[in-house]
């Protein structure tokens, strides 16, 4: 029971932290494009607090409250409890604020590109569409559970599961792996690693060649002596063999 409750708590914390980091992304984009909120660089300590600290506090309060009020295995029925709003309210607030950020960013882009070519406007619209998953606006599309115990509720559960589980890989592919700067950085890192590997292998080959050369030099130095010592003729007479045999007997 305690393991199941721990896993559920970690799951809820991960979901809330994901939404809060989407809020951080929306705040950063809005401050860079629409309104300059921060006069200096982005306050990463504030981002860390909003992204990790606020979910930790909310989930801690929720877990303590639900453990006192709901004594069921693995907190079954926690979704029907009014204390679920301790988690749901911050999520909805962050998504609604991000939606406001998105609308304002669209307004600024359209205003700046209104007098330019239509291609720029299409690029702005494309960038805006790509911001939907980045800011988590897709969660607002299916945020109400029909609760009909039929096809609609099943479709709601499947759609939310697909959107939540595929959002990370979708953002990674779209904003990271398909980015030209990221591809250039990865290519340069691979080339540097290949150059270091080739340099290491060539230095190793030179070391082996030098070691082999020194070994052959030593062999060439000492071999003539052995040749000279072995090249002397040795004469053995049969009388000497007979005398040595008789002496042993």
Protein backbone atom coordinates (compact mmCIF):
# COMPACT_ATOMS: atom_id res chain seq x y z
CA UNK A 1 0.00 0.00 0.00
CA UNK A 2 2.76 2.47 0.89
CA UNK A 3 4.61 1.66 -2.35
CA UNK A 4 1.50 2.23 -4.44
CA UNK A 5 0.86 5.55 -2.69
CA UNK A 6 4.49 6.58 -3.21
CA UNK A 7 4.31 5.82 -6.92
CA UNK A 8 1.06 7.77 -7.21
CA UNK A 9 2.63 10.74 -5.41
CA UNK A 10 5.66 10.72 -7.71
CA UNK A 11 3.37 10.50 -10.74
CA UNK A 12 1.34 13.51 -9.62
CA UNK A 13 4.53 15.43 -8.84
CA UNK A 14 5.92 14.71 -12.31
CA UNK A 15 2.70 15.85 -13.99
CA UNK A 16 2.58 19.11 -12.03
CA UNK A 17 6.30 19.78 -12.54
CA UNK A 18 5.88 19.26 -16.29
CA UNK A 19 3.09 21.84 -16.45
CA UNK A 20 5.09 24.30 -14.34
CA UNK A 21 8.12 24.01 -16.60
CA UNK A 22 5.83 24.72 -19.56
CA UNK A 23 4.79 27.84 -17.70
CA UNK A 24 8.47 28.77 -17.34
CA UNK A 25 8.93 28.34 -21.10
CA UNK A 26 5.91 30.53 -21.80
CA UNK A 27 7.14 33.19 -19.38
CA UNK A 28 10.59 33.19 -20.98
CA UNK A 29 9.23 33.40 -24.55
CA UNK A 30 6.75 36.11 -23.62
CA UNK A 31 9.43 38.17 -21.90
CA UNK A 32 11.72 37.84 -24.93
CA UNK A 33 9.18 38.57 -27.67
CA UNK A 34 6.29 40.61 -26.26
CA UNK A 35 7.06 42.33 -22.96
CA UNK A 36 10.47 42.65 -21.35
CA UNK A 37 9.59 41.45 -17.87
CA UNK A 38 13.16 40.99 -16.66
CA UNK A 39 15.66 43.75 -17.24
CA UNK A 40 18.65 41.40 -16.95
CA UNK A 41 19.19 37.74 -17.71
CA UNK A 42 16.54 35.17 -16.97
CA UNK A 43 16.26 34.46 -13.20
CA UNK A 44 17.00 30.75 -13.20
CA UNK A 45 16.55 30.50 -9.44
CA UNK A 46 12.95 31.64 -9.91
CA UNK A 47 12.50 29.11 -12.69
CA UNK A 48 13.86 26.32 -10.49
CA UNK A 49 11.53 27.31 -7.67
CA UNK A 50 8.49 27.44 -9.96
CA UNK A 51 9.44 24.26 -11.81
CA UNK A 52 10.51 22.06 -8.86
CA UNK A 53 9.66 23.86 -5.62
CA UNK A 54 6.02 24.78 -6.17
CA UNK A 55 5.05 21.24 -7.28
CA UNK A 56 6.88 19.80 -4.27
CA UNK A 57 4.93 22.03 -1.88
CA UNK A 58 1.59 21.38 -3.60
CA UNK A 59 2.09 17.60 -3.76
CA UNK A 60 3.26 17.51 -0.15
CA UNK A 61 0.12 19.32 1.02
CA UNK A 62 -2.07 17.12 -1.16
CA UNK A 63 -0.47 13.85 0.03
CA UNK A 64 -0.74 14.85 3.69
CA UNK A 65 -4.37 15.95 3.30
CA UNK A 66 -5.48 12.92 1.30
CA UNK A 67 -3.79 10.50 3.71
CA UNK A 68 -5.79 11.98 6.61
CA UNK A 69 -9.14 12.10 4.83
CA UNK A 70 -9.08 9.07 2.50
CA UNK A 71 -8.28 5.70 4.03
CA UNK A 72 -8.51 3.45 0.98
CA UNK A 73 -5.96 1.16 -0.69
CA UNK A 74 -3.66 3.26 -2.85
CA UNK A 75 -5.95 6.26 -2.25
CA UNK A 76 -8.59 4.92 -4.60
CA UNK A 77 -11.17 7.56 -5.40
CA UNK A 78 -8.79 10.48 -4.91
CA UNK A 79 -10.13 12.02 -8.11
CA UNK A 80 -13.59 12.36 -6.55
CA UNK A 81 -12.19 14.14 -3.51
CA UNK A 82 -12.37 17.95 -3.46
CA UNK A 83 -8.71 18.01 -2.39
CA UNK A 84 -7.72 17.10 -5.94
CA UNK A 85 -8.01 20.83 -6.65
CA UNK A 86 -4.78 21.31 -4.71
CA UNK A 87 -3.12 19.81 -7.81
CA UNK A 88 -5.61 20.67 -10.52
CA UNK A 89 -5.90 24.38 -9.75
CA UNK A 90 -2.17 25.18 -10.25
CA UNK A 91 -2.20 23.15 -13.47
CA UNK A 92 -5.19 24.98 -14.90
CA UNK A 93 -3.80 28.35 -13.79
CA UNK A 94 -0.45 27.71 -15.49
CA UNK A 95 -2.12 26.53 -18.71
CA UNK A 96 -4.52 29.48 -18.80
CA UNK A 97 -1.66 31.94 -18.27
CA UNK A 98 0.31 30.19 -21.01
CA UNK A 99 -2.68 30.53 -23.30
CA UNK A 100 -2.67 34.26 -22.59
CA UNK A 101 1.06 34.36 -23.35
CA UNK A 102 0.40 32.59 -26.65
CA UNK A 103 -2.33 35.02 -27.68
CA UNK A 104 -0.12 38.00 -26.88
CA UNK A 105 2.84 36.50 -28.75
CA UNK A 106 0.61 35.96 -31.80
CA UNK A 107 -0.58 39.56 -31.58
CA UNK A 108 2.98 40.89 -31.45
CA UNK A 109 4.13 38.72 -34.35
CA UNK A 110 1.19 39.68 -36.55
CA UNK A 111 1.70 43.37 -35.73
CA UNK A 112 5.40 43.28 -36.53
CA UNK A 113 5.00 41.26 -39.72
CA UNK A 114 1.80 42.88 -40.99
CA UNK A 115 3.59 45.11 -43.50
CA UNK A 116 6.03 42.43 -44.67
CA UNK A 117 5.77 39.62 -47.16
CA UNK A 118 3.25 36.84 -46.76
CA UNK A 119 6.05 34.30 -46.32
CA UNK A 120 7.01 35.90 -43.03
CA UNK A 121 3.41 35.73 -41.88
CA UNK A 122 3.27 32.05 -42.77
CA UNK A 123 6.45 31.50 -40.80
CA UNK A 124 4.92 33.31 -37.84
CA UNK A 125 1.80 31.17 -38.05
CA UNK A 126 3.92 28.03 -38.29
CA UNK A 127 5.93 29.08 -35.24
CA UNK A 128 2.71 29.78 -33.39
CA UNK A 129 1.33 26.34 -34.19
CA UNK A 130 4.56 24.79 -32.93
CA UNK A 131 4.17 26.70 -29.67
CA UNK A 132 0.96 24.84 -28.81
CA UNK A 133 2.65 21.65 -27.58
CA UNK A 134 5.57 23.59 -26.11
CA UNK A 135 3.31 25.63 -23.85
CA UNK A 136 1.00 22.71 -23.05
CA UNK A 137 -2.06 24.24 -24.67
CA UNK A 138 -3.04 20.78 -25.94
CA UNK A 139 -3.95 19.88 -22.35
CA UNK A 140 -6.73 22.46 -22.46
CA UNK A 141 -8.33 20.75 -25.45
CA UNK A 142 -9.23 17.69 -23.37
CA UNK A 143 -9.40 18.92 -19.81
CA UNK A 144 -13.01 17.95 -19.01
CA UNK A 145 -13.88 14.33 -18.35
CA UNK A 146 -17.35 13.49 -19.72
CA UNK A 147 -17.76 10.74 -17.05
CA UNK A 148 -20.40 8.82 -18.96
CA UNK A 149 -18.81 5.41 -18.28
CA UNK A 150 -18.96 4.77 -22.01
CA UNK A 151 -17.18 5.60 -25.27
CA UNK A 152 -16.61 9.30 -24.57
CA UNK A 153 -14.83 8.71 -21.28
CA UNK A 154 -12.71 5.96 -22.82
CA UNK A 155 -11.75 8.25 -25.71
CA UNK A 156 -10.94 11.01 -23.20
CA UNK A 157 -8.65 8.72 -21.19
CA UNK A 158 -6.85 7.38 -24.29
CA UNK A 159 -6.40 10.84 -25.81
CA UNK A 160 -4.97 12.31 -22.60
CA UNK A 161 -2.67 9.32 -22.15
CA UNK A 162 -1.32 9.68 -25.70
CA UNK A 163 -0.86 13.44 -25.44
CA UNK A 164 0.87 13.34 -22.06
CA UNK A 165 3.15 10.41 -22.84
CA UNK A 166 4.21 11.54 -26.32
CA UNK A 167 4.74 15.22 -25.56
CA UNK A 168 8.33 14.78 -24.36
CA UNK A 169 9.57 12.87 -27.39
CA UNK A 170 7.59 15.18 -29.69
CA UNK A 171 9.26 18.28 -28.23
CA UNK A 172 12.68 16.60 -28.26
CA UNK A 173 12.39 15.72 -31.95
CA UNK A 174 10.81 19.01 -33.00
CA UNK A 175 12.84 21.51 -30.99
CA UNK A 176 16.09 19.60 -30.47
CA UNK A 177 16.93 16.95 -33.03
CA UNK A 178 15.42 18.84 -35.99
CA UNK A 179 17.11 22.11 -34.99
CA UNK A 180 19.93 23.14 -37.35
CA UNK A 181 22.10 24.53 -34.55
CA UNK A 182 21.75 21.35 -32.50
CA UNK A 183 22.58 19.22 -35.53
CA UNK A 184 25.65 21.35 -36.25
CA UNK A 185 26.78 21.06 -32.63
CA UNK A 186 26.34 17.29 -32.63
CA UNK A 187 28.17 16.99 -35.95
CA UNK A 188 31.09 19.08 -34.65
CA UNK A 189 31.22 17.02 -31.45
CA UNK A 190 31.32 13.82 -33.51
CA UNK A 191 34.09 15.19 -35.72
CA UNK A 192 36.13 16.25 -32.69
CA UNK A 193 35.71 12.80 -31.15
CA UNK A 194 36.75 11.18 -34.44
CA UNK A 195 39.84 13.39 -34.67
CA UNK A 196 40.82 12.58 -31.07
CA UNK A 197 40.29 8.87 -31.73
CA UNK A 198 42.42 8.99 -34.88
CA UNK A 199 45.12 10.95 -33.06
CA UNK A 200 45.13 8.43 -30.22
CA UNK A 201 45.34 5.47 -32.59
CA UNK A 202 48.14 7.09 -34.62
CA UNK A 203 50.13 7.88 -31.47
CA UNK A 204 49.63 4.29 -30.32
CA UNK A 205 50.83 3.02 -33.69
CA UNK A 206 53.90 5.26 -33.49
CA UNK A 207 54.65 3.94 -30.01
CA UNK A 208 54.39 0.36 -31.21
CA UNK A 209 56.59 1.10 -34.21
CA UNK A 210 59.22 2.80 -32.01
CA UNK A 211 59.17 -0.13 -29.57
CA UNK A 212 59.56 -2.63 -32.40
CA UNK A 213 62.40 -0.62 -33.92
CA UNK A 214 64.27 -0.48 -30.60
CA UNK A 215 63.79 -4.24 -30.18
CA UNK A 216 65.23 -4.91 -33.61
CA UNK A 217 68.12 -2.54 -32.87
CA UNK A 218 68.95 -4.51 -29.73
CA UNK A 219 68.79 -7.77 -31.68
CA UNK A 220 71.05 -6.33 -34.35
CA UNK A 221 73.52 -5.20 -31.66
CA UNK A 222 73.85 -8.52 -29.90
CA UNK A 223 73.46 -10.97 -32.78
CA UNK A 224 76.96 -10.52 -34.31
CA UNK A 225 78.63 -11.57 -31.08
CA UNK A 226 76.63 -14.77 -31.00
CA UNK A 227 77.44 -15.31 -34.63
CA UNK A 228 81.12 -14.74 -34.02
CA UNK A 229 81.13 -17.05 -31.02
CA UNK A 230 79.31 -19.79 -32.91
CA UNK A 231 81.35 -19.39 -36.07
CA UNK A 232 84.57 -20.75 -34.46
CA UNK A 233 85.32 -24.33 -35.62
CA UNK A 234 85.35 -27.05 -32.98
CA UNK A 235 87.53 -30.18 -33.61
CA UNK A 236 86.74 -33.31 -31.62
CA UNK A 237 89.01 -36.34 -31.85
CA UNK A 238 87.94 -39.92 -31.24
CA UNK A 239 90.89 -40.55 -28.92
CA UNK A 240 89.68 -37.80 -26.62
CA UNK A 241 86.26 -39.44 -26.45
CA UNK A 242 87.81 -42.85 -25.62
CA UNK A 243 90.01 -41.37 -22.89
CA UNK A 244 87.07 -39.49 -21.31
CA UNK A 245 84.97 -42.68 -21.35
CA UNK A 246 87.68 -44.77 -19.73
CA UNK A 247 88.25 -42.15 -17.06
CA UNK A 248 84.58 -42.23 -16.12
CA UNK A 249 84.59 -45.99 -15.92
